Amino acid sequence: SLFLARKFSQRDALLVRWCKRGYQPLLQRAMRHPAIVVGCAIGAFLLGLLIASTFGAEFVPKLDEGDMAIQAIRLPSVSLERSIEMTTEIERVLRREFPREVKSVISKTGRAEIATDPMGVEASDIFVMLKPREEWRFPSKNELVAAMKKVLEENIPANNFSFTQPIELRVQELIAGVRLDIGISVYGDDLEKLKEIGNQVAAVVRRIPGAADVQAEQTGGLPYIQMRIRRDQIARYGINVSDVLDAISVIGGKQVGQVLEGQRRFPLQVRLAPHWRDHLESLKRLKVADPAGRQIPLEQLVDIEVAPGVAQISRDEIRRRFLVQVNVRGRDLASFVAEAQAAVEKEVELPPNYRIAWGGQFKNLQDAAGRLAVAVPLALFLIGSLLYITFDSGRLALLIFLNVPIATTGGIFALWLRGMPFSISAGIGFIALFGIAVMNGVVLVEHIRSLRAAGMDVATAVEQGAMDRLRPVLMTATTDALGFIPMAVSTSSGAEVQRPLATVVIGGVITSSLLTLVVLPTIYRWFEPKSRKSQPPVES
């Protein structure tokens, strides 16, 4: 209270007087031509709906973490030593070819089976720490990714590369179960048929504009030693099948007893030495005794060959699954998935009991859109209910509620001008905008009702009320817009999520203020309750 002014003046500030000087003739002209004003408002709303129908959609804007994560996938038959050699060469190439962009490179090959997301030795995660953008030779991160992918594919053959970000990689894998933006799951029973359908899906998706880093799950290609017992030969020597199987099981290890140490028990296992296990010819010379005590070589009793087999079997929803993953670059997620779904449905024929499900960020977008479909109508219903309770009039509640579609139009125009797709951040911005838009309408209508209760006619009360409430409405719109401008233009970490929200609020506040100051006074007489013109206003 020590800093409050001791003298008060009812005179408006110079800026407010300038605004009133321009606003009054505009208001009077609008009140003389209400049909034109309403037509312009409806036209703007319909144009906004038309523009909104062309919007793409995404779950949330992708955050730029500043660093990069590269996944290198090789054939399942690759050894750990060879995989490490390739990963080391990837590190050298990145440091050599991108000295102005890459600060350091750290790689990790394979992951333990006890982890929540096991990974074989054929897969490596390469984490690339980047230097500040001012030192880059590339104007954007997408161009840097494209250049890195081209260099790696030219220098490191037999690798499939995909690009993401360290935190994004882990979060997507834990939440959505996929490493890239979209996961296309093919469900069925036969592994070979699943692989065939999955490869067809990958080929179709690869042709869609915006597809990047398309990866089909590697379910085969792992070499196995296959042994088939020759029953005619074991019958010739009088050898039981169990004797042959016991000899074969010793290759990997067979439990033959237990070792006791106090109360503890340990299984005793017999296993061939490494120099026997690593060579197929050595395995063929294993001996199996017949009833006469003769030692028969294993190759005479079984057919031994090395053949490719199953590398992994993925299951989801109690069914076998083949996963195709893809990143989306240069376009929004929803339009890409819509085009890809249409192409897959047209070109890929599914047998009975086989189906395709689309997941990843697209599934998150669908779930969030479903929640918004409940939250937005609920918010609008609560706003309408509170307006009716406040004014005890359905007409006045509807009049103020008209701020909502006009404010929505402004938010749509703002997103369109900045080239942003619809996202969950923008949806939250629209919900916040509804409250701001309605608040200005309440301020104006309540003052008009006060003037009507004081005995003024409709035209005079509307014009006087609008002039009196010009400053509060402009202050609300200006402070809101100025407060959100830093979020709208920010380029710092995390700004990608803030920008759509701020853009929607700024655009909606501008159009909502125009409606409150021009359209709402123009049509007030159409909505005033005729039986309550002389009643005093409700305290707010």
Protein backbone atom coordinates (compact mmCIF):
# COMPACT_ATOMS: atom_id res chain seq x y z
CA SER A 1 0.00 0.00 0.00
CA LEU A 2 2.99 2.32 0.42
CA PHE A 3 3.52 2.31 -3.33
CA LEU A 4 -0.12 2.96 -4.36
CA ALA A 5 -0.88 6.33 -5.90
CA ARG A 6 -2.54 8.90 -3.63
CA LYS A 7 -4.33 10.68 -6.47
CA PHE A 8 -6.57 8.94 -8.97
CA SER A 9 -7.65 10.12 -12.41
CA GLN A 10 -10.62 8.89 -14.41
CA ARG A 11 -9.03 9.99 -17.64
CA ASP A 12 -7.89 7.27 -20.08
CA ALA A 13 -4.29 6.97 -21.08
CA LEU A 14 -3.21 8.35 -24.44
CA LEU A 15 -2.97 4.91 -26.06
CA VAL A 16 -6.46 3.95 -24.87
CA ARG A 17 -7.90 7.23 -26.23
CA TRP A 18 -6.34 6.49 -29.63
CA CYS A 19 -7.86 3.00 -29.58
CA LYS A 20 -11.31 4.36 -28.68
CA ARG A 21 -11.08 7.01 -31.37
CA GLY A 22 -10.63 4.29 -34.00
CA TYR A 23 -12.93 1.76 -32.40
CA GLN A 24 -16.08 3.87 -31.98
CA PRO A 25 -16.75 4.52 -35.73
CA LEU A 26 -15.97 0.85 -36.47
CA LEU A 27 -18.48 -0.25 -33.82
CA GLN A 28 -21.17 2.14 -35.06
CA ARG A 29 -20.69 0.99 -38.64
CA ALA A 30 -20.88 -2.67 -37.57
CA MET A 31 -24.10 -2.08 -35.58
CA ARG A 32 -25.72 -0.51 -38.66
CA HIS A 33 -24.92 -3.59 -40.76
CA PRO A 34 -25.30 -6.62 -38.47
CA ALA A 35 -25.98 -9.06 -41.33
CA ILE A 36 -22.64 -8.28 -43.00
CA VAL A 37 -20.76 -8.63 -39.70
CA VAL A 38 -22.38 -11.97 -38.93
CA GLY A 39 -21.75 -13.15 -42.49
CA CYS A 40 -18.06 -12.29 -42.21
CA ALA A 41 -17.81 -14.13 -38.88
CA ILE A 42 -19.51 -17.23 -40.27
CA GLY A 43 -17.36 -17.09 -43.41
CA ALA A 44 -14.18 -16.89 -41.31
CA PHE A 45 -15.32 -19.86 -39.23
CA LEU A 46 -16.12 -21.97 -42.31
CA LEU A 47 -12.79 -21.03 -43.87
CA GLY A 48 -11.08 -22.10 -40.66
CA LEU A 49 -12.84 -25.47 -40.80
CA LEU A 50 -11.75 -25.87 -44.43
CA ILE A 51 -8.13 -25.15 -43.51
CA ALA A 52 -8.33 -27.48 -40.50
CA SER A 53 -9.44 -30.32 -42.78
CA THR A 54 -6.08 -30.06 -44.58
CA PHE A 55 -4.03 -30.30 -41.38
CA GLY A 56 -1.85 -33.25 -40.62
CA ALA A 57 -1.47 -34.55 -37.09
CA GLU A 58 1.23 -35.85 -34.80
CA PHE A 59 1.36 -37.03 -31.19
CA VAL A 60 3.74 -34.37 -29.86
CA PRO A 61 6.35 -32.38 -31.78
CA LYS A 62 9.68 -34.16 -31.77
CA LEU A 63 12.06 -32.71 -29.19
CA ASP A 64 15.57 -31.92 -30.32
CA GLU A 65 17.78 -33.48 -27.65
CA GLY A 66 20.93 -32.09 -29.23
CA ASP A 67 22.53 -35.53 -29.69
CA MET A 68 21.87 -38.49 -31.93
CA ALA A 69 21.43 -42.25 -31.57
CA ILE A 70 22.22 -44.55 -34.50
CA GLN A 71 21.13 -48.18 -34.57
CA ALA A 72 23.17 -50.58 -36.71
CA ILE A 73 21.53 -53.93 -37.51
CA ARG A 74 23.50 -56.78 -39.13
CA LEU A 75 22.81 -60.38 -40.10
CA PRO A 76 21.94 -62.60 -37.11
CA SER A 77 24.84 -64.93 -37.97
CA VAL A 78 27.49 -62.25 -37.33
CA SER A 79 29.96 -63.01 -34.54
CA LEU A 80 30.56 -60.74 -31.58
CA GLU A 81 34.12 -60.03 -32.73
CA ARG A 82 33.01 -59.02 -36.23
CA SER A 83 30.17 -56.91 -34.82
CA ILE A 84 32.60 -55.01 -32.59
CA GLU A 85 34.94 -54.45 -35.54
CA MET A 86 32.10 -52.95 -37.59
CA THR A 87 30.97 -50.73 -34.72
CA THR A 88 34.52 -49.46 -34.22
CA GLU A 89 34.76 -48.66 -37.91
CA ILE A 90 31.45 -46.74 -37.70
CA GLU A 91 32.94 -44.61 -34.92
CA ARG A 92 36.06 -43.89 -37.02
CA VAL A 93 34.03 -42.93 -40.10
CA LEU A 94 31.79 -40.55 -38.17
CA ARG A 95 34.74 -38.82 -36.51
CA ARG A 96 36.66 -38.62 -39.80
CA GLU A 97 33.87 -37.44 -42.11
CA PHE A 98 32.08 -35.07 -39.72
CA PRO A 99 34.77 -33.33 -37.65
CA ARG A 100 32.79 -30.08 -37.38
CA GLU A 101 29.57 -31.77 -36.26
CA VAL A 102 30.60 -34.75 -34.11
CA LYS A 103 32.13 -34.20 -30.70
CA SER A 104 32.34 -37.82 -29.51
CA VAL A 105 30.94 -41.27 -30.34
CA ILE A 106 30.09 -44.07 -27.90
CA SER A 107 28.79 -47.47 -28.98
CA LYS A 108 27.18 -50.45 -27.28
CA THR A 109 26.71 -53.87 -28.88
CA GLY A 110 24.12 -56.36 -27.65
CA ARG A 111 22.21 -56.39 -24.41
CA ALA A 112 21.68 -59.03 -21.74
CA GLU A 113 18.68 -61.33 -22.04
CA ILE A 114 17.59 -60.46 -18.49
CA ALA A 115 16.98 -56.83 -19.54
CA THR A 116 13.51 -55.58 -20.40
CA ASP A 117 14.54 -55.16 -24.04
CA PRO A 118 17.15 -57.83 -24.94
CA MET A 119 19.28 -57.26 -28.03
CA GLY A 120 21.56 -59.70 -29.84
CA VAL A 121 25.18 -59.14 -30.83
CA GLU A 122 24.00 -58.31 -34.36
CA ALA A 123 22.56 -54.98 -33.11
CA SER A 124 24.51 -51.96 -31.87
CA ASP A 125 23.49 -48.60 -30.44
CA ILE A 126 25.85 -45.77 -31.40
CA PHE A 127 25.44 -42.55 -29.41
CA VAL A 128 26.75 -39.47 -31.23
CA MET A 129 27.34 -36.30 -29.20
CA LEU A 130 27.11 -33.26 -31.46
CA LYS A 131 28.86 -29.91 -31.35
CA PRO A 132 26.90 -26.60 -31.26
CA ARG A 133 24.91 -25.89 -34.42
CA GLU A 134 26.97 -22.77 -35.14
CA GLU A 135 29.89 -25.02 -36.11
CA TRP A 136 27.89 -27.30 -38.45
CA ARG A 137 28.23 -27.32 -42.21
CA PHE A 138 24.55 -28.33 -42.53
CA PRO A 139 21.60 -25.95 -42.05
CA SER A 140 19.38 -28.55 -40.34
CA LYS A 141 19.60 -31.79 -38.43
CA ASN A 142 17.63 -33.68 -41.09
CA GLU A 143 20.29 -32.83 -43.67
CA LEU A 144 23.02 -33.95 -41.27
CA VAL A 145 21.20 -37.26 -40.75
CA ALA A 146 20.87 -37.77 -44.51
CA ALA A 147 24.59 -37.08 -45.02
CA MET A 148 25.59 -39.45 -42.20
CA LYS A 149 23.37 -42.22 -43.54
CA LYS A 150 24.84 -41.86 -47.04
CA VAL A 151 28.46 -41.93 -45.77
CA LEU A 152 27.86 -44.92 -43.48
CA GLU A 153 26.14 -46.96 -46.19
CA GLU A 154 29.02 -46.28 -48.58
CA ASN A 155 31.78 -47.14 -46.09
CA ILE A 156 30.18 -49.83 -43.87
CA PRO A 157 28.42 -52.52 -45.97
CA ALA A 158 26.11 -55.22 -44.60
CA ASN A 159 24.56 -52.85 -42.04
CA ASN A 160 21.08 -51.36 -41.82
CA PHE A 161 21.14 -47.92 -40.15
CA SER A 162 18.34 -46.01 -38.44
CA PHE A 163 18.57 -42.63 -36.73
CA THR A 164 16.82 -41.36 -33.61
CA GLN A 165 17.76 -39.68 -30.31
CA PRO A 166 19.05 -41.25 -27.08
CA ILE A 167 16.14 -40.43 -24.75
CA GLU A 168 13.55 -40.83 -27.49
CA LEU A 169 14.94 -44.27 -28.32
CA ARG A 170 14.54 -45.56 -24.77
CA VAL A 171 11.17 -43.92 -24.14
CA GLN A 172 9.62 -45.22 -27.35
CA GLU A 173 10.93 -48.70 -26.70
CA LEU A 174 9.55 -48.78 -23.16
CA ILE A 175 6.18 -47.15 -23.90
CA ALA A 176 5.34 -48.27 -27.42
CA GLY A 177 7.56 -51.35 -27.74
CA VAL A 178 9.25 -50.05 -30.91
CA ARG A 179 12.46 -48.11 -31.49
CA LEU A 180 11.31 -45.92 -34.39
CA ASP A 181 8.32 -43.62 -34.94
CA ILE A 182 5.93 -46.26 -36.30
CA GLY A 183 5.72 -49.98 -35.63
CA ILE A 184 3.69 -52.13 -38.06
CA SER A 185 2.90 -55.49 -36.47
CA VAL A 186 1.85 -58.46 -38.58
CA TYR A 187 0.13 -61.17 -36.51
CA GLY A 188 -0.23 -64.78 -37.57
CA ASP A 189 0.89 -68.37 -36.91
CA ASP A 190 3.37 -69.43 -39.60
CA LEU A 191 6.80 -67.80 -39.29
CA GLU A 192 7.64 -68.05 -42.99
CA LYS A 193 4.30 -66.56 -43.98
CA LEU A 194 4.74 -63.77 -41.44
CA LYS A 195 8.17 -62.99 -42.87
CA GLU A 196 6.79 -62.94 -46.41
CA ILE A 197 3.94 -60.58 -45.50
CA GLY A 198 6.22 -58.38 -43.38
CA ASN A 199 8.72 -57.96 -46.22
CA GLN A 200 5.87 -57.02 -48.56
CA VAL A 201 4.67 -54.40 -46.08
CA ALA A 202 8.20 -53.01 -45.74
CA ALA A 203 8.55 -52.75 -49.53
CA VAL A 204 5.25 -50.88 -49.82
CA VAL A 205 5.98 -48.49 -46.93
CA ARG A 206 9.46 -47.75 -48.30
CA ARG A 207 7.85 -46.14 -51.38
CA ILE A 208 5.68 -43.74 -49.35
CA PRO A 209 7.03 -40.14 -49.34
CA GLY A 210 8.44 -39.34 -45.90
CA ALA A 211 9.47 -42.93 -45.05
CA ALA A 212 12.97 -43.27 -43.62
CA ASP A 213 15.01 -46.04 -41.97
CA VAL A 214 12.53 -48.81 -42.85
CA GLN A 215 13.47 -51.96 -40.90
CA ALA A 216 11.92 -55.41 -41.15
CA GLU A 217 12.47 -57.69 -38.18
CA GLN A 218 15.13 -60.36 -38.72
CA THR A 219 13.47 -63.60 -37.72
CA GLY A 220 15.75 -65.95 -39.68
CA GLY A 221 19.30 -66.33 -40.89
CA LEU A 222 20.88 -67.76 -37.74
CA PRO A 223 23.00 -70.84 -38.63
CA TYR A 224 22.07 -74.07 -36.86
CA ILE A 225 23.66 -77.53 -36.85
CA GLN A 226 20.81 -79.83 -37.76
CA MET A 227 21.06 -83.55 -37.04
CA ARG A 228 18.47 -86.04 -38.31
CA ILE A 229 18.68 -89.59 -37.01
CA ARG A 230 18.93 -92.26 -39.72
CA ARG A 231 16.69 -94.94 -38.31
CA ASP A 232 17.75 -97.55 -40.81
CA GLN A 233 21.36 -97.21 -39.66
CA ILE A 234 20.65 -97.33 -35.93
CA ALA A 235 18.45 -100.40 -36.55
CA ARG A 236 21.34 -102.01 -38.44
CA TYR A 237 23.67 -101.54 -35.47
CA GLY A 238 21.00 -102.21 -32.84
CA ILE A 239 21.46 -98.78 -31.22
CA ASN A 240 18.63 -97.08 -29.36
CA VAL A 241 17.52 -93.55 -30.34
CA SER A 242 18.07 -92.42 -26.74
CA ASP A 243 21.76 -93.40 -26.94
CA VAL A 244 22.24 -91.22 -30.03
CA LEU A 245 20.37 -88.31 -28.43
CA ASP A 246 22.52 -88.59 -25.30
CA ALA A 247 25.65 -88.26 -27.43
CA ILE A 248 24.21 -85.27 -29.25
CA SER A 249 23.10 -83.54 -26.04
CA VAL A 250 26.67 -83.63 -24.73
CA ILE A 251 27.58 -81.05 -27.37
CA GLY A 252 25.64 -78.33 -25.55
CA GLY A 253 25.83 -79.89 -22.10
CA LYS A 254 24.05 -82.71 -20.30
CA GLN A 255 23.38 -82.95 -16.59
CA VAL A 256 24.72 -86.24 -15.19
CA GLY A 257 24.51 -85.69 -11.45
CA GLN A 258 24.74 -83.30 -8.51
CA VAL A 259 27.52 -81.93 -6.35
CA LEU A 260 26.77 -81.43 -2.64
CA GLU A 261 28.45 -78.75 -0.54
CA GLY A 262 26.77 -78.77 2.83
CA GLN A 263 23.15 -77.84 2.26
CA ARG A 264 23.81 -76.52 -1.22
CA ARG A 265 23.36 -78.59 -4.37
CA PHE A 266 24.92 -77.86 -7.77
CA PRO A 267 24.15 -79.66 -11.03
CA LEU A 268 27.08 -81.58 -12.53
CA GLN A 269 27.16 -81.11 -16.29
CA VAL A 270 29.22 -82.82 -18.99
CA ARG A 271 30.02 -80.79 -22.11
CA LEU A 272 32.37 -81.19 -25.06
CA ALA A 273 35.49 -79.07 -25.09
CA PRO A 274 35.40 -75.92 -27.30
CA HIS A 275 37.73 -77.36 -29.97
CA TRP A 276 35.20 -80.18 -30.49
CA ARG A 277 32.15 -77.92 -30.57
CA ASP A 278 33.56 -75.37 -32.99
CA HIS A 279 34.25 -77.72 -35.89
CA LEU A 280 31.66 -79.74 -37.77
CA GLU A 281 34.16 -82.46 -38.74
CA SER A 282 34.99 -83.02 -35.08
CA LEU A 283 31.31 -83.52 -34.28
CA LYS A 284 31.01 -86.08 -37.05
CA ARG A 285 33.75 -88.18 -35.37
CA LEU A 286 31.89 -88.50 -32.07
CA LYS A 287 31.47 -92.16 -31.14
CA VAL A 288 28.33 -94.00 -30.06
CA ALA A 289 28.68 -97.56 -28.67
CA ASP A 290 26.48 -100.34 -30.05
CA PRO A 291 25.37 -103.38 -27.96
CA ALA A 292 28.51 -105.26 -29.06
CA GLY A 293 30.75 -102.45 -27.71
CA ARG A 294 31.83 -101.20 -31.13
CA GLN A 295 32.35 -97.41 -31.42
CA ILE A 296 30.28 -96.12 -34.35
CA PRO A 297 31.01 -92.59 -35.70
CA LEU A 298 28.09 -90.20 -35.33
CA GLU A 299 28.12 -89.34 -39.03
CA GLN A 300 27.07 -92.92 -39.85
CA LEU A 301 24.01 -92.66 -37.60
CA VAL A 302 22.74 -89.14 -38.34
CA ASP A 303 22.64 -86.68 -41.23
CA ILE A 304 24.57 -83.58 -40.14
CA GLU A 305 24.36 -80.24 -41.92
CA VAL A 306 24.56 -76.50 -41.19
CA ALA A 307 21.37 -74.72 -42.23
CA PRO A 308 19.81 -71.32 -41.51
CA GLY A 309 17.16 -71.33 -38.84
CA VAL A 310 15.01 -69.04 -36.72
CA ALA A 311 16.87 -66.16 -35.08
CA GLN A 312 14.01 -65.02 -32.85
CA ILE A 313 10.28 -65.46 -32.38
CA SER A 314 8.43 -62.38 -31.20
CA ARG A 315 5.05 -62.71 -29.53
CA ASP A 316 2.40 -60.15 -28.65
CA GLU A 317 -1.24 -60.52 -27.66
CA ILE A 318 -0.65 -64.30 -27.35
CA ARG A 319 0.24 -64.55 -31.06
CA ARG A 320 3.37 -64.60 -33.15
CA ARG A 321 4.34 -61.20 -34.50
CA PHE A 322 6.55 -59.83 -37.27
CA LEU A 323 7.51 -56.18 -36.75
CA VAL A 324 8.26 -53.56 -39.41
CA GLN A 325 9.58 -50.23 -38.09
CA VAL A 326 9.87 -46.90 -39.90
CA ASN A 327 10.78 -43.30 -39.13
CA VAL A 328 8.85 -40.37 -40.61
CA ARG A 329 10.76 -37.32 -41.85
CA GLY A 330 9.57 -34.26 -43.71
CA ARG A 331 5.82 -34.73 -43.13
CA ASP A 332 3.32 -35.25 -40.34
CA LEU A 333 2.64 -38.63 -38.79
CA ALA A 334 -1.11 -38.95 -39.41
CA SER A 335 -1.06 -38.24 -43.14
CA PHE A 336 1.87 -40.62 -43.63
CA VAL A 337 0.09 -43.44 -41.81
CA ALA A 338 -3.14 -42.78 -43.73
CA GLU A 339 -1.32 -43.03 -47.07
CA ALA A 340 0.69 -46.06 -45.95
CA GLN A 341 -2.41 -47.88 -44.68
CA ALA A 342 -4.20 -47.31 -47.99
CA ALA A 343 -1.19 -48.58 -49.96
CA VAL A 344 -0.72 -51.66 -47.74
CA GLU A 345 -4.42 -52.53 -47.87
CA LYS A 346 -4.34 -52.26 -51.66
CA GLU A 347 -1.11 -54.15 -52.38
CA VAL A 348 -0.74 -56.69 -49.55
CA GLU A 349 -3.18 -59.58 -49.42
CA LEU A 350 -3.62 -61.12 -45.97
CA PRO A 351 -4.51 -64.80 -45.55
CA PRO A 352 -7.25 -65.77 -43.10
CA ASN A 353 -6.35 -65.31 -39.41
CA TYR A 354 -3.59 -62.83 -40.25
CA ARG A 355 -3.90 -59.14 -39.42
CA ILE A 356 -1.88 -55.90 -39.36
CA ALA A 357 -1.78 -53.40 -36.46
CA TRP A 358 -0.18 -49.93 -36.52
CA GLY A 359 1.59 -48.81 -33.36
CA GLY A 360 4.36 -46.62 -32.03
CA GLN A 361 3.79 -42.86 -31.99
CA PHE A 362 0.70 -43.34 -34.17
CA LYS A 363 -0.91 -45.50 -31.49
CA ASN A 364 -0.08 -42.84 -28.90
CA LEU A 365 -1.69 -40.23 -31.17
CA GLN A 366 -4.84 -42.32 -31.48
CA ASP A 367 -5.08 -42.83 -27.72
CA ALA A 368 -4.50 -39.13 -26.99
CA ALA A 369 -7.02 -38.09 -29.64
CA GLY A 370 -9.57 -40.39 -28.02
CA ARG A 371 -8.97 -38.74 -24.64
CA LEU A 372 -9.25 -35.27 -26.19
CA ALA A 373 -12.52 -36.32 -27.80
CA VAL A 374 -13.85 -36.71 -24.26
CA ALA A 375 -12.03 -33.81 -22.57
CA VAL A 376 -12.93 -31.08 -25.10
CA PRO A 377 -16.72 -31.67 -25.15
CA LEU A 378 -16.66 -31.98 -21.36
CA ALA A 379 -14.83 -28.65 -21.05
CA LEU A 380 -17.29 -26.99 -23.42
CA PHE A 381 -20.25 -28.43 -21.52
CA LEU A 382 -18.89 -27.14 -18.20
CA ILE A 383 -18.29 -23.69 -19.70
CA GLY A 384 -21.82 -23.56 -21.07
CA SER A 385 -23.28 -24.74 -17.78
CA LEU A 386 -21.40 -22.10 -15.79
CA LEU A 387 -22.52 -19.39 -18.21
CA TYR A 388 -26.14 -20.43 -17.86
CA ILE A 389 -25.86 -20.52 -14.06
CA THR A 390 -24.23 -17.06 -14.03
CA PHE A 391 -26.75 -15.27 -16.27
CA ASP A 392 -29.77 -17.51 -15.72
CA SER A 393 -30.38 -17.15 -19.45
CA GLY A 394 -29.80 -19.59 -22.24
CA ARG A 395 -29.70 -16.77 -24.80
CA LEU A 396 -26.92 -14.83 -23.10
CA ALA A 397 -24.99 -18.03 -22.42
CA LEU A 398 -25.21 -18.88 -26.13
CA LEU A 399 -24.15 -15.35 -27.09
CA ILE A 400 -20.99 -15.55 -25.00
CA PHE A 401 -20.39 -19.13 -26.10
CA LEU A 402 -20.04 -17.88 -29.70
CA ASN A 403 -16.58 -16.70 -28.67
CA VAL A 404 -15.45 -20.32 -28.70
CA PRO A 405 -15.77 -21.11 -32.45
CA ILE A 406 -14.36 -17.71 -33.43
CA ALA A 407 -11.41 -18.17 -31.08
CA THR A 408 -10.91 -21.65 -32.55
CA THR A 409 -10.77 -20.07 -36.00
CA GLY A 410 -7.94 -17.80 -34.91
CA GLY A 411 -5.98 -20.72 -33.50
CA ILE A 412 -6.42 -22.65 -36.76
CA PHE A 413 -5.25 -19.69 -38.84
CA ALA A 414 -2.19 -19.25 -36.60
CA LEU A 415 -1.19 -22.92 -36.97
CA TRP A 416 -1.70 -22.70 -40.74
CA LEU A 417 0.41 -19.55 -41.09
CA ARG A 418 3.29 -21.17 -39.19
CA GLY A 419 2.98 -24.48 -41.06
CA MET A 420 2.35 -26.56 -37.95
CA PRO A 421 0.30 -29.77 -37.87
CA PHE A 422 -2.25 -30.47 -35.17
CA SER A 423 -0.71 -32.07 -32.09
CA ILE A 424 -1.66 -32.80 -28.51
CA SER A 425 0.14 -29.59 -27.50
CA ALA A 426 -2.08 -27.61 -29.86
CA GLY A 427 -5.15 -29.40 -28.47
CA ILE A 428 -4.24 -28.33 -24.94
CA GLY A 429 -3.80 -24.79 -26.27
CA PHE A 430 -7.35 -24.84 -27.66
CA ILE A 431 -8.75 -25.93 -24.29
CA ALA A 432 -6.93 -23.04 -22.55
CA LEU A 433 -8.14 -20.68 -25.28
CA PHE A 434 -11.79 -21.51 -24.64
CA GLY A 435 -11.61 -20.13 -21.10
CA ILE A 436 -9.83 -16.94 -22.16
CA ALA A 437 -12.33 -16.31 -24.96
CA VAL A 438 -15.37 -16.78 -22.73
CA MET A 439 -13.96 -14.54 -20.00
CA ASN A 440 -13.91 -11.47 -22.28
CA GLY A 441 -17.49 -12.09 -23.34
CA VAL A 442 -18.61 -12.30 -19.70
CA VAL A 443 -16.94 -8.96 -18.91
CA LEU A 444 -18.70 -7.17 -21.78
CA VAL A 445 -22.17 -8.72 -21.44
CA GLU A 446 -22.27 -8.17 -17.69
CA HIS A 447 -21.53 -4.45 -18.13
CA ILE A 448 -24.17 -4.10 -20.85
CA ARG A 449 -26.74 -5.70 -18.55
CA SER A 450 -25.78 -3.22 -15.83
CA LEU A 451 -26.39 -0.31 -18.19
CA ARG A 452 -29.72 -1.79 -19.31
CA ALA A 453 -30.76 -2.16 -15.69
CA ALA A 454 -29.92 1.54 -15.21
CA GLY A 455 -32.53 2.45 -17.85
CA MET A 456 -30.55 2.82 -21.08
CA ASP A 457 -32.04 1.60 -24.36
CA VAL A 458 -30.44 -1.36 -26.11
CA ALA A 459 -28.42 0.54 -28.74
CA THR A 460 -27.02 3.08 -26.28
CA ALA A 461 -26.24 0.45 -23.62
CA VAL A 462 -24.45 -1.75 -26.14
CA GLU A 463 -22.35 1.08 -27.58
CA GLN A 464 -21.53 2.55 -24.17
CA GLY A 465 -20.77 -0.86 -22.69
CA ALA A 466 -18.45 -1.76 -25.55
CA MET A 467 -16.59 1.56 -25.23
CA ASP A 468 -16.28 1.14 -21.46
CA ARG A 469 -14.97 -2.40 -21.74
CA LEU A 470 -12.56 -1.77 -24.62
CA ARG A 471 -9.61 -1.28 -22.28
CA PRO A 472 -10.14 -4.46 -20.16
CA VAL A 473 -10.63 -6.60 -23.27
CA LEU A 474 -7.57 -5.17 -25.00
CA MET A 475 -5.50 -5.54 -21.83
CA THR A 476 -6.52 -9.19 -21.49
CA ALA A 477 -5.73 -9.96 -25.13
CA THR A 478 -2.46 -8.01 -25.11
CA THR A 479 -1.11 -9.50 -21.89
CA ASP A 480 -2.03 -13.03 -22.98
CA ALA A 481 -0.48 -12.60 -26.41
CA LEU A 482 2.67 -10.95 -25.09
CA GLY A 483 3.02 -13.59 -22.39
CA PHE A 484 2.93 -16.40 -24.95
CA ILE A 485 5.19 -14.78 -27.56
CA PRO A 486 8.43 -16.04 -25.90
CA MET A 487 7.04 -19.59 -26.02
CA ALA A 488 5.93 -19.15 -29.64
CA VAL A 489 9.34 -18.03 -30.92
CA SER A 490 11.60 -19.94 -28.54
CA THR A 491 14.27 -22.21 -30.00
CA SER A 492 15.67 -23.61 -26.75
CA SER A 493 15.45 -27.22 -25.60
CA GLY A 494 11.82 -28.31 -25.24
CA ALA A 495 10.47 -25.37 -27.27
CA GLU A 496 9.08 -27.77 -29.91
CA VAL A 497 6.27 -28.75 -27.52
CA GLN A 498 5.56 -25.18 -26.37
CA ARG A 499 5.33 -23.54 -29.78
CA PRO A 500 2.02 -25.10 -30.97
CA LEU A 501 0.31 -24.31 -27.65
CA ALA A 502 1.47 -20.67 -27.67
CA THR A 503 0.63 -20.23 -31.36
CA VAL A 504 -2.95 -21.42 -30.83
CA VAL A 505 -3.51 -19.12 -27.83
CA ILE A 506 -2.08 -16.03 -29.57
CA GLY A 507 -4.11 -16.53 -32.75
CA GLY A 508 -7.28 -17.37 -30.84
CA VAL A 509 -6.99 -14.39 -28.48
CA ILE A 510 -6.77 -12.00 -31.45
CA THR A 511 -9.89 -13.30 -33.22
CA SER A 512 -11.75 -13.72 -29.93
CA SER A 513 -11.09 -10.08 -29.06
CA LEU A 514 -12.42 -8.98 -32.46
CA LEU A 515 -15.58 -10.99 -31.85
CA THR A 516 -16.01 -9.61 -28.34
CA LEU A 517 -15.55 -6.00 -29.45
CA VAL A 518 -17.34 -6.06 -32.83
CA VAL A 519 -19.57 -9.08 -33.45
CA LEU A 520 -20.92 -9.58 -29.93
CA PRO A 521 -22.19 -5.96 -29.47
CA THR A 522 -23.68 -6.07 -32.97
CA ILE A 523 -25.87 -9.10 -32.29
CA TYR A 524 -26.56 -8.50 -28.58
CA ARG A 525 -30.11 -7.29 -29.24
CA TRP A 526 -30.94 -10.62 -30.89
CA PHE A 527 -30.01 -12.54 -27.74
CA GLU A 528 -31.24 -10.26 -24.95
CA PRO A 529 -33.93 -11.98 -22.86
CA LYS A 530 -37.07 -9.91 -23.60
CA SER A 531 -38.76 -10.68 -20.28
CA ARG A 532 -35.78 -9.67 -18.14
CA LYS A 533 -34.59 -6.38 -19.62
CA SER A 534 -35.23 -4.42 -16.46
CA GLN A 535 -33.88 -6.97 -14.00
CA PRO A 536 -30.65 -6.06 -12.19
CA PRO A 537 -27.51 -7.93 -13.25
CA VAL A 538 -26.15 -10.90 -11.36
CA GLU A 539 -23.16 -10.16 -9.16
CA SER A 540 -20.04 -11.70 -10.74
